[in-house]
Amino acid sequence: MTAKVKRFLLILTGWAFVALGIVGLFLPVLQGILFLLIGLVILSAEYTWAQRLLQKLRDRFPKIGAVADQASAKATAWMHRVFGPEKGLGPE
């Protein structure tokens, strides 16, 4: 798989999680905040605005920061399964 395809799939996956998170905020079945955070963690590998938003959330809401760390661990594990260990997520 080429680097451009991997990058496209990474961005697409991040936005898909963000969309699921938005839907999850209104449906009691999905955990909206967790999906939003996973999406932001994935997007933070490509976008600095996502990194800044995650840092602001961690500073302002420590409990959400803990959930973001949990989401980051899940997203990193997923990324390693899908793309292999060479593509990490953001600063670890």
Protein backbone atom coordinates (compact mmCIF):
# COMPACT_ATOMS: atom_id res chain seq x y z
CA MET A 1 0.00 0.00 0.00
CA THR A 2 1.43 3.39 -0.95
CA ALA A 3 1.90 6.27 1.47
CA LYS A 4 -0.80 8.36 -0.24
CA VAL A 5 -3.36 5.58 0.10
CA LYS A 6 -2.44 5.06 3.75
CA ARG A 7 -2.75 8.80 4.44
CA PHE A 8 -6.12 8.94 2.66
CA LEU A 9 -7.41 5.95 4.64
CA LEU A 10 -6.11 7.47 7.87
CA ILE A 11 -7.93 10.75 7.25
CA LEU A 12 -11.07 8.97 6.07
CA THR A 13 -11.09 6.78 9.17
CA GLY A 14 -10.61 9.78 11.45
CA TRP A 15 -13.51 11.65 9.90
CA ALA A 16 -15.67 8.49 10.02
CA PHE A 17 -15.07 8.25 13.77
CA VAL A 18 -15.89 11.93 14.18
CA ALA A 19 -19.14 11.41 12.27
CA LEU A 20 -19.99 8.36 14.41
CA GLY A 21 -19.24 10.44 17.49
CA ILE A 22 -21.61 13.18 16.40
CA VAL A 23 -24.35 10.62 15.75
CA GLY A 24 -23.50 8.97 19.07
CA LEU A 25 -24.14 12.19 20.95
CA PHE A 26 -27.80 11.89 20.00
CA LEU A 27 -28.25 8.11 20.13
CA PRO A 28 -28.06 6.31 23.46
CA VAL A 29 -26.58 3.20 21.82
CA LEU A 30 -23.25 4.74 20.76
CA GLN A 31 -20.71 6.39 23.03
CA GLY A 32 -20.42 9.66 21.18
CA ILE A 33 -17.60 11.27 23.16
CA LEU A 34 -15.41 8.20 22.85
CA PHE A 35 -15.89 8.05 19.07
CA LEU A 36 -15.21 11.78 18.79
CA LEU A 37 -12.01 11.44 20.77
CA ILE A 38 -10.85 8.45 18.74
CA GLY A 39 -11.52 10.43 15.58
CA LEU A 40 -9.61 13.43 16.91
CA VAL A 41 -6.68 11.26 17.96
CA ILE A 42 -6.52 9.72 14.50
CA LEU A 43 -6.82 13.12 12.83
CA SER A 44 -4.17 14.58 15.13
CA ALA A 45 -1.60 12.52 13.24
CA GLU A 46 -2.29 14.73 10.20
CA TYR A 47 -3.82 17.98 11.47
CA THR A 48 -2.38 20.38 14.04
CA TRP A 49 -5.83 21.80 14.83
CA ALA A 50 -6.85 18.35 16.11
CA GLN A 51 -3.72 18.21 18.29
CA ARG A 52 -4.48 21.65 19.73
CA LEU A 53 -8.12 20.76 20.35
CA LEU A 54 -7.15 17.58 22.18
CA GLN A 55 -4.66 19.52 24.32
CA LYS A 56 -7.29 22.12 25.21
CA LEU A 57 -9.71 19.36 26.16
CA ARG A 58 -7.09 17.68 28.34
CA ASP A 59 -6.24 20.94 30.09
CA ARG A 60 -9.82 22.02 30.67
CA PHE A 61 -11.39 18.64 31.43
CA PRO A 62 -9.01 16.16 33.08
CA LYS A 63 -11.59 13.36 33.00
CA ILE A 64 -12.00 13.80 29.26
CA GLY A 65 -8.22 13.78 29.03
CA ALA A 66 -8.26 10.33 30.62
CA VAL A 67 -10.87 9.21 28.08
CA ALA A 68 -8.72 10.72 25.32
CA ASP A 69 -5.75 8.69 26.54
CA GLN A 70 -7.93 5.59 26.44
CA ALA A 71 -9.12 6.52 22.95
CA SER A 72 -5.53 7.12 21.89
CA ALA A 73 -4.50 3.67 23.07
CA LYS A 74 -7.39 2.06 21.18
CA ALA A 75 -6.69 4.09 18.03
CA THR A 76 -2.98 3.28 18.15
CA ALA A 77 -3.70 -0.43 18.53
CA TRP A 78 -6.13 -0.27 15.62
CA MET A 79 -3.66 1.64 13.45
CA HIS A 80 -0.93 -0.92 14.17
CA ARG A 81 -3.27 -3.74 13.18
CA VAL A 82 -4.37 -2.06 9.96
CA PHE A 83 -1.27 -0.23 8.73
CA GLY A 84 1.53 -1.96 10.59
CA PRO A 85 3.79 -0.60 13.32
CA GLU A 86 5.59 1.94 11.10
CA LYS A 87 2.70 4.49 11.25
CA GLY A 88 2.31 5.89 14.77
CA LEU A 89 -0.22 8.39 16.02
CA GLY A 90 0.96 11.76 17.17
CA PRO A 91 3.35 12.27 20.08
CA GLU A 92 3.46 9.37 22.47
